[in-house]
Amino acid sequence: MKKLAVSVEINRPIDQVWNTFNNPEDITQWNVAHESWECPSAKNDVSVGGKLEARMQSKDGSFGFDFIGIYDEVRDRDLLRYHLEDGRNVEVIFEKLAETKTRVTENFDPEDQNPLEMQQQGWQAILDNFRNYCEGV
């Protein structure tokens, strides 16, 4: 199946973008696709074989899940590759466009439960939240 892709440009230096993307305290602030959701906890061991763990749930507690990825490749301030527990792969590319501008692109394998457009919109919404949070700190 074809990979999906989402991308944002962030008006911040690549060091700040990388750190904000990977710091668990920051992840809990931006890792939601909709305002009715929250990310109450996150852990992130950014090393090959390390785990990204984020709890994602509706604010009313009616639904939630643990998003868990295991890192396959880590290149500081450049690339993260990880696989999810169901075998899908995710690639996150960090590109320095200027001293204070960075592009983040995520390429990911879609799951087979929801329409592709819905998945792309959800991942894009999370990345948009990341940009807004990153530019605000």
N, C-alpha and C. Protein backbone atom coordinates (compact mmCIF):
# COMPACT_ATOMS: atom_id res chain seq x y z
N MET A 1 0.84 -1.19 0.00
CA MET A 1 0.00 0.00 0.00
C MET A 1 0.88 1.25 0.00
N LYS A 2 0.39 2.28 -0.64
CA LYS A 2 1.13 3.54 -0.79
C LYS A 2 1.25 4.27 0.55
N LYS A 3 2.42 4.86 0.78
CA LYS A 3 2.62 5.68 1.98
C LYS A 3 1.86 6.99 1.84
N LEU A 4 1.45 7.53 2.97
CA LEU A 4 0.85 8.85 3.02
C LEU A 4 1.90 9.81 3.53
N ALA A 5 1.74 11.10 3.23
CA ALA A 5 2.72 12.09 3.66
C ALA A 5 2.02 13.36 4.13
N VAL A 6 2.59 13.97 5.18
CA VAL A 6 2.14 15.26 5.67
C VAL A 6 3.39 16.09 5.94
N SER A 7 3.24 17.42 5.89
CA SER A 7 4.40 18.28 6.04
C SER A 7 4.00 19.65 6.58
N VAL A 8 4.91 20.28 7.32
CA VAL A 8 4.73 21.67 7.76
C VAL A 8 6.07 22.40 7.70
N GLU A 9 5.99 23.70 7.54
CA GLU A 9 7.16 24.55 7.68
C GLU A 9 6.98 25.35 8.96
N ILE A 10 8.04 25.37 9.77
CA ILE A 10 7.98 25.97 11.11
C ILE A 10 9.01 27.09 11.19
N ASN A 11 8.58 28.24 11.67
CA ASN A 11 9.47 29.39 11.79
C ASN A 11 10.27 29.32 13.09
N ARG A 12 11.11 28.30 13.15
CA ARG A 12 12.00 28.10 14.29
C ARG A 12 13.25 27.37 13.80
N PRO A 13 14.38 27.53 14.49
CA PRO A 13 15.61 26.82 14.11
C PRO A 13 15.45 25.30 14.28
N ILE A 14 16.19 24.54 13.48
CA ILE A 14 16.07 23.09 13.48
C ILE A 14 16.35 22.48 14.86
N ASP A 15 17.29 23.04 15.64
CA ASP A 15 17.57 22.50 16.98
C ASP A 15 16.33 22.56 17.85
N GLN A 16 15.64 23.70 17.83
CA GLN A 16 14.43 23.85 18.65
C GLN A 16 13.33 22.91 18.17
N VAL A 17 13.17 22.81 16.86
CA VAL A 17 12.13 21.93 16.30
C VAL A 17 12.40 20.48 16.71
N TRP A 18 13.63 20.02 16.55
CA TRP A 18 14.00 18.65 16.91
C TRP A 18 13.72 18.39 18.40
N ASN A 19 14.18 19.30 19.25
CA ASN A 19 14.01 19.11 20.69
C ASN A 19 12.54 19.12 21.10
N THR A 20 11.77 20.04 20.54
CA THR A 20 10.35 20.13 20.88
C THR A 20 9.59 18.91 20.37
N PHE A 21 9.98 18.39 19.22
CA PHE A 21 9.33 17.21 18.65
C PHE A 21 9.58 15.97 19.51
N ASN A 22 10.74 15.90 20.16
CA ASN A 22 11.14 14.68 20.85
C ASN A 22 11.05 14.72 22.38
N ASN A 23 10.85 15.88 22.96
CA ASN A 23 10.79 16.01 24.42
C ASN A 23 9.40 15.57 24.92
N PRO A 24 9.33 14.55 25.79
CA PRO A 24 8.03 14.04 26.25
C PRO A 24 7.12 15.10 26.84
N GLU A 25 7.67 16.07 27.60
CA GLU A 25 6.82 17.12 28.19
C GLU A 25 6.18 17.96 27.10
N ASP A 26 6.91 18.19 26.01
CA ASP A 26 6.34 18.94 24.89
C ASP A 26 5.35 18.09 24.11
N ILE A 27 5.66 16.83 23.90
CA ILE A 27 4.77 15.94 23.13
C ILE A 27 3.36 15.97 23.71
N THR A 28 3.24 15.98 25.02
CA THR A 28 1.90 15.97 25.64
C THR A 28 1.13 17.26 25.34
N GLN A 29 1.82 18.30 24.92
CA GLN A 29 1.16 19.59 24.64
C GLN A 29 0.64 19.70 23.21
N TRP A 30 1.22 18.95 22.27
CA TRP A 30 0.82 19.12 20.87
C TRP A 30 0.31 17.87 20.18
N ASN A 31 0.44 16.70 20.78
CA ASN A 31 0.16 15.44 20.09
C ASN A 31 -1.32 15.06 20.11
N VAL A 32 -2.15 15.89 19.49
CA VAL A 32 -3.58 15.60 19.35
C VAL A 32 -4.04 16.05 17.97
N ALA A 33 -5.04 15.37 17.44
CA ALA A 33 -5.58 15.72 16.12
C ALA A 33 -6.78 16.65 16.23
N HIS A 34 -7.38 16.72 17.43
CA HIS A 34 -8.59 17.53 17.61
C HIS A 34 -8.64 18.02 19.04
N GLU A 35 -9.27 19.16 19.24
CA GLU A 35 -9.32 19.77 20.58
C GLU A 35 -10.10 18.94 21.60
N SER A 36 -10.87 17.96 21.15
CA SER A 36 -11.60 17.10 22.08
C SER A 36 -10.73 15.96 22.61
N TRP A 37 -9.46 15.92 22.16
CA TRP A 37 -8.53 14.88 22.57
C TRP A 37 -7.41 15.46 23.42
N GLU A 38 -6.70 14.57 24.11
CA GLU A 38 -5.54 14.97 24.90
C GLU A 38 -4.49 13.87 24.84
N CYS A 39 -3.27 14.26 25.20
CA CYS A 39 -2.15 13.33 25.28
C CYS A 39 -1.59 13.47 26.70
N PRO A 40 -2.17 12.73 27.66
CA PRO A 40 -1.80 12.94 29.07
C PRO A 40 -0.41 12.46 29.45
N SER A 41 0.18 11.56 28.65
CA SER A 41 1.51 11.09 29.01
C SER A 41 2.29 10.70 27.76
N ALA A 42 3.61 10.85 27.86
CA ALA A 42 4.50 10.47 26.76
C ALA A 42 5.86 10.11 27.33
N LYS A 43 6.49 9.14 26.69
CA LYS A 43 7.88 8.77 26.97
C LYS A 43 8.56 8.68 25.62
N ASN A 44 9.86 8.99 25.57
CA ASN A 44 10.54 8.93 24.29
C ASN A 44 12.03 8.68 24.49
N ASP A 45 12.47 7.50 24.10
CA ASP A 45 13.88 7.12 24.12
C ASP A 45 14.37 7.17 22.68
N VAL A 46 14.92 8.32 22.28
CA VAL A 46 15.31 8.56 20.88
C VAL A 46 16.65 7.89 20.61
N SER A 47 16.62 6.58 20.44
CA SER A 47 17.80 5.80 20.11
C SER A 47 17.33 4.56 19.37
N VAL A 48 18.21 3.98 18.56
CA VAL A 48 17.83 2.77 17.82
C VAL A 48 17.44 1.69 18.84
N GLY A 49 16.25 1.13 18.67
CA GLY A 49 15.70 0.16 19.60
C GLY A 49 14.91 0.81 20.73
N GLY A 50 15.01 2.13 20.87
CA GLY A 50 14.25 2.86 21.89
C GLY A 50 12.80 2.99 21.49
N LYS A 51 11.96 3.40 22.44
CA LYS A 51 10.53 3.48 22.20
C LYS A 51 9.99 4.91 22.34
N LEU A 52 9.05 5.22 21.46
CA LEU A 52 8.19 6.38 21.59
C LEU A 52 6.86 5.86 22.09
N GLU A 53 6.40 6.37 23.23
CA GLU A 53 5.12 5.94 23.78
C GLU A 53 4.31 7.19 24.11
N ALA A 54 3.09 7.27 23.54
CA ALA A 54 2.22 8.40 23.81
C ALA A 54 0.79 7.90 24.02
N ARG A 55 0.20 8.30 25.12
CA ARG A 55 -1.20 7.97 25.38
C ARG A 55 -2.06 9.03 24.72
N MET A 56 -2.98 8.60 23.88
CA MET A 56 -3.89 9.52 23.21
C MET A 56 -5.30 9.09 23.58
N GLN A 57 -6.09 10.08 24.05
CA GLN A 57 -7.44 9.73 24.48
C GLN A 57 -8.38 10.93 24.37
N SER A 58 -9.68 10.62 24.28
CA SER A 58 -10.67 11.70 24.27
C SER A 58 -10.71 12.30 25.67
N LYS A 59 -10.96 13.60 25.74
CA LYS A 59 -10.97 14.29 27.04
C LYS A 59 -12.07 13.75 27.96
N ASP A 60 -13.15 13.22 27.39
CA ASP A 60 -14.21 12.68 28.23
C ASP A 60 -13.93 11.23 28.66
N GLY A 61 -12.79 10.67 28.22
CA GLY A 61 -12.40 9.34 28.65
C GLY A 61 -13.12 8.20 27.96
N SER A 62 -13.92 8.50 26.94
CA SER A 62 -14.72 7.45 26.29
C SER A 62 -13.90 6.56 25.35
N PHE A 63 -12.75 7.06 24.89
CA PHE A 63 -11.94 6.27 23.97
C PHE A 63 -10.49 6.72 24.09
N GLY A 64 -9.57 5.77 23.91
CA GLY A 64 -8.17 6.12 23.93
C GLY A 64 -7.32 4.95 23.47
N PHE A 65 -6.07 5.25 23.19
CA PHE A 65 -5.14 4.20 22.78
C PHE A 65 -3.72 4.65 23.07
N ASP A 66 -2.83 3.66 23.11
CA ASP A 66 -1.41 3.94 23.28
C ASP A 66 -0.74 3.86 21.92
N PHE A 67 -0.08 4.96 21.54
CA PHE A 67 0.68 5.02 20.29
C PHE A 67 2.11 4.65 20.65
N ILE A 68 2.59 3.51 20.10
CA ILE A 68 3.93 3.02 20.45
C ILE A 68 4.72 2.76 19.18
N GLY A 69 5.89 3.40 19.10
CA GLY A 69 6.80 3.18 17.99
C GLY A 69 8.16 2.75 18.52
N ILE A 70 8.84 1.92 17.76
CA ILE A 70 10.19 1.46 18.11
C ILE A 70 11.14 1.97 17.04
N TYR A 71 12.15 2.74 17.47
CA TYR A 71 13.06 3.38 16.53
C TYR A 71 13.96 2.38 15.81
N ASP A 72 13.99 2.51 14.48
CA ASP A 72 14.85 1.69 13.64
C ASP A 72 16.08 2.48 13.18
N GLU A 73 15.93 3.80 13.06
CA GLU A 73 17.04 4.66 12.63
C GLU A 73 16.85 6.04 13.24
N VAL A 74 17.94 6.59 13.76
CA VAL A 74 17.92 7.93 14.34
C VAL A 74 19.16 8.68 13.83
N ARG A 75 18.90 9.79 13.13
CA ARG A 75 19.99 10.67 12.70
C ARG A 75 19.67 12.05 13.28
N ASP A 76 20.46 12.46 14.24
CA ASP A 76 20.22 13.68 15.00
C ASP A 76 19.90 14.87 14.11
N ARG A 77 18.77 15.51 14.40
CA ARG A 77 18.31 16.71 13.70
C ARG A 77 18.14 16.50 12.19
N ASP A 78 17.88 15.25 11.80
CA ASP A 78 17.77 14.93 10.38
C ASP A 78 16.63 13.94 10.10
N LEU A 79 16.63 12.79 10.80
CA LEU A 79 15.72 11.72 10.42
C LEU A 79 15.38 10.82 11.62
N LEU A 80 14.11 10.45 11.70
CA LEU A 80 13.65 9.41 12.62
C LEU A 80 12.89 8.38 11.79
N ARG A 81 13.23 7.12 11.97
CA ARG A 81 12.44 6.03 11.37
C ARG A 81 12.04 5.10 12.48
N TYR A 82 10.76 4.77 12.54
CA TYR A 82 10.30 3.81 13.54
C TYR A 82 9.16 2.97 12.98
N HIS A 83 8.93 1.85 13.64
CA HIS A 83 7.80 1.01 13.25
C HIS A 83 6.84 0.93 14.43
N LEU A 84 5.58 0.82 14.09
CA LEU A 84 4.52 0.69 15.09
C LEU A 84 4.33 -0.78 15.43
N GLU A 85 3.62 -1.03 16.51
CA GLU A 85 3.41 -2.42 16.96
C GLU A 85 2.72 -3.28 15.91
N ASP A 86 1.92 -2.66 15.03
CA ASP A 86 1.22 -3.43 14.00
C ASP A 86 2.06 -3.60 12.73
N GLY A 87 3.33 -3.16 12.77
CA GLY A 87 4.23 -3.36 11.64
C GLY A 87 4.30 -2.20 10.66
N ARG A 88 3.43 -1.21 10.81
CA ARG A 88 3.49 -0.06 9.91
C ARG A 88 4.75 0.76 10.19
N ASN A 89 5.26 1.42 9.15
CA ASN A 89 6.48 2.21 9.26
C ASN A 89 6.18 3.70 9.16
N VAL A 90 6.98 4.47 9.91
CA VAL A 90 6.87 5.93 9.92
C VAL A 90 8.27 6.50 9.73
N GLU A 91 8.37 7.55 8.91
CA GLU A 91 9.62 8.25 8.69
C GLU A 91 9.36 9.74 8.92
N VAL A 92 10.19 10.38 9.74
CA VAL A 92 10.07 11.80 10.01
C VAL A 92 11.36 12.48 9.55
N ILE A 93 11.23 13.41 8.62
CA ILE A 93 12.39 14.09 8.04
C ILE A 93 12.39 15.55 8.51
N PHE A 94 13.54 15.99 9.01
CA PHE A 94 13.73 17.37 9.46
C PHE A 94 14.67 18.06 8.47
N GLU A 95 14.22 19.16 7.87
CA GLU A 95 15.03 19.88 6.88
C GLU A 95 15.22 21.33 7.31
N LYS A 96 16.47 21.74 7.41
CA LYS A 96 16.78 23.15 7.70
C LYS A 96 16.62 23.94 6.41
N LEU A 97 15.63 24.83 6.37
CA LEU A 97 15.38 25.64 5.18
C LEU A 97 16.12 26.98 5.27
N ALA A 98 16.29 27.47 6.50
CA ALA A 98 17.01 28.72 6.77
C ALA A 98 17.38 28.68 8.25
N GLU A 99 18.08 29.69 8.73
CA GLU A 99 18.48 29.69 10.14
C GLU A 99 17.29 29.54 11.08
N THR A 100 16.17 30.14 10.71
CA THR A 100 15.00 30.10 11.59
C THR A 100 13.78 29.51 10.88
N LYS A 101 14.00 28.58 9.96
CA LYS A 101 12.88 27.92 9.27
C LYS A 101 13.24 26.45 9.04
N THR A 102 12.32 25.58 9.44
CA THR A 102 12.53 24.14 9.36
C THR A 102 11.29 23.48 8.77
N ARG A 103 11.50 22.51 7.89
CA ARG A 103 10.39 21.70 7.38
C ARG A 103 10.42 20.34 8.06
N VAL A 104 9.26 19.89 8.49
CA VAL A 104 9.11 18.54 9.03
C VAL A 104 8.13 17.80 8.11
N THR A 105 8.57 16.64 7.62
CA THR A 105 7.73 15.80 6.75
C THR A 105 7.61 14.43 7.39
N GLU A 106 6.40 13.93 7.46
CA GLU A 106 6.16 12.56 7.96
C GLU A 106 5.60 11.73 6.82
N ASN A 107 6.25 10.61 6.55
CA ASN A 107 5.77 9.62 5.59
C ASN A 107 5.37 8.40 6.41
N PHE A 108 4.16 7.89 6.21
CA PHE A 108 3.70 6.78 7.04
C PHE A 108 2.83 5.81 6.27
N ASP A 109 2.91 4.56 6.70
CA ASP A 109 2.04 3.52 6.15
C ASP A 109 0.65 3.70 6.76
N PRO A 110 -0.39 3.74 5.94
CA PRO A 110 -1.73 3.85 6.49
C PRO A 110 -2.19 2.54 7.12
N GLU A 111 -3.13 2.66 8.05
CA GLU A 111 -3.76 1.45 8.59
C GLU A 111 -4.98 1.13 7.73
N ASP A 112 -5.61 0.01 7.97
CA ASP A 112 -6.72 -0.40 7.10
C ASP A 112 -8.09 -0.26 7.75
N GLN A 113 -8.17 0.49 8.84
CA GLN A 113 -9.44 0.66 9.55
C GLN A 113 -10.21 1.90 9.10
N ASN A 114 -9.50 2.95 8.71
CA ASN A 114 -10.13 4.23 8.40
C ASN A 114 -9.75 4.68 6.98
N PRO A 115 -10.60 5.52 6.37
CA PRO A 115 -10.30 6.01 5.01
C PRO A 115 -8.95 6.76 4.98
N LEU A 116 -8.25 6.63 3.85
CA LEU A 116 -6.93 7.26 3.71
C LEU A 116 -7.00 8.77 3.94
N GLU A 117 -8.02 9.42 3.41
CA GLU A 117 -8.15 10.87 3.55
C GLU A 117 -8.29 11.25 5.02
N MET A 118 -9.04 10.48 5.77
CA MET A 118 -9.21 10.75 7.20
C MET A 118 -7.88 10.60 7.95
N GLN A 119 -7.12 9.56 7.60
CA GLN A 119 -5.82 9.35 8.24
C GLN A 119 -4.87 10.50 7.92
N GLN A 120 -4.84 10.90 6.65
CA GLN A 120 -3.95 11.99 6.26
C GLN A 120 -4.36 13.28 6.98
N GLN A 121 -5.65 13.55 7.08
CA GLN A 121 -6.12 14.75 7.76
C GLN A 121 -5.75 14.71 9.25
N GLY A 122 -5.87 13.55 9.87
CA GLY A 122 -5.54 13.42 11.29
C GLY A 122 -4.06 13.65 11.56
N TRP A 123 -3.20 13.03 10.76
CA TRP A 123 -1.75 13.21 10.93
C TRP A 123 -1.36 14.66 10.63
N GLN A 124 -2.01 15.27 9.62
CA GLN A 124 -1.71 16.67 9.30
C GLN A 124 -2.15 17.58 10.44
N ALA A 125 -3.30 17.30 11.04
CA ALA A 125 -3.79 18.11 12.15
C ALA A 125 -2.81 18.06 13.33
N ILE A 126 -2.26 16.88 13.61
CA ILE A 126 -1.28 16.75 14.69
C ILE A 126 -0.02 17.55 14.36
N LEU A 127 0.43 17.45 13.11
CA LEU A 127 1.63 18.19 12.71
C LEU A 127 1.37 19.70 12.72
N ASP A 128 0.17 20.13 12.35
CA ASP A 128 -0.19 21.55 12.44
C ASP A 128 -0.18 22.00 13.91
N ASN A 129 -0.70 21.18 14.80
CA ASN A 129 -0.65 21.50 16.24
C ASN A 129 0.80 21.62 16.70
N PHE A 130 1.66 20.73 16.20
CA PHE A 130 3.07 20.80 16.55
C PHE A 130 3.66 22.13 16.11
N ARG A 131 3.41 22.52 14.87
CA ARG A 131 3.93 23.80 14.37
C ARG A 131 3.45 24.96 15.24
N ASN A 132 2.16 25.00 15.53
CA ASN A 132 1.61 26.08 16.32
C ASN A 132 2.21 26.12 17.72
N TYR A 133 2.38 24.96 18.33
CA TYR A 133 2.98 24.88 19.67
C TYR A 133 4.45 25.31 19.62
N CYS A 134 5.17 24.78 18.64
CA CYS A 134 6.61 25.06 18.52
C CYS A 134 6.86 26.56 18.29
N GLU A 135 6.04 27.17 17.47
CA GLU A 135 6.21 28.60 17.21
C GLU A 135 5.79 29.46 18.39
N GLY A 136 5.01 28.87 19.30
CA GLY A 136 4.53 29.62 20.46
C GLY A 136 5.41 29.52 21.69
N VAL A 137 6.39 28.61 21.68
CA VAL A 137 7.26 28.47 22.87
C VAL A 137 8.59 29.16 22.67
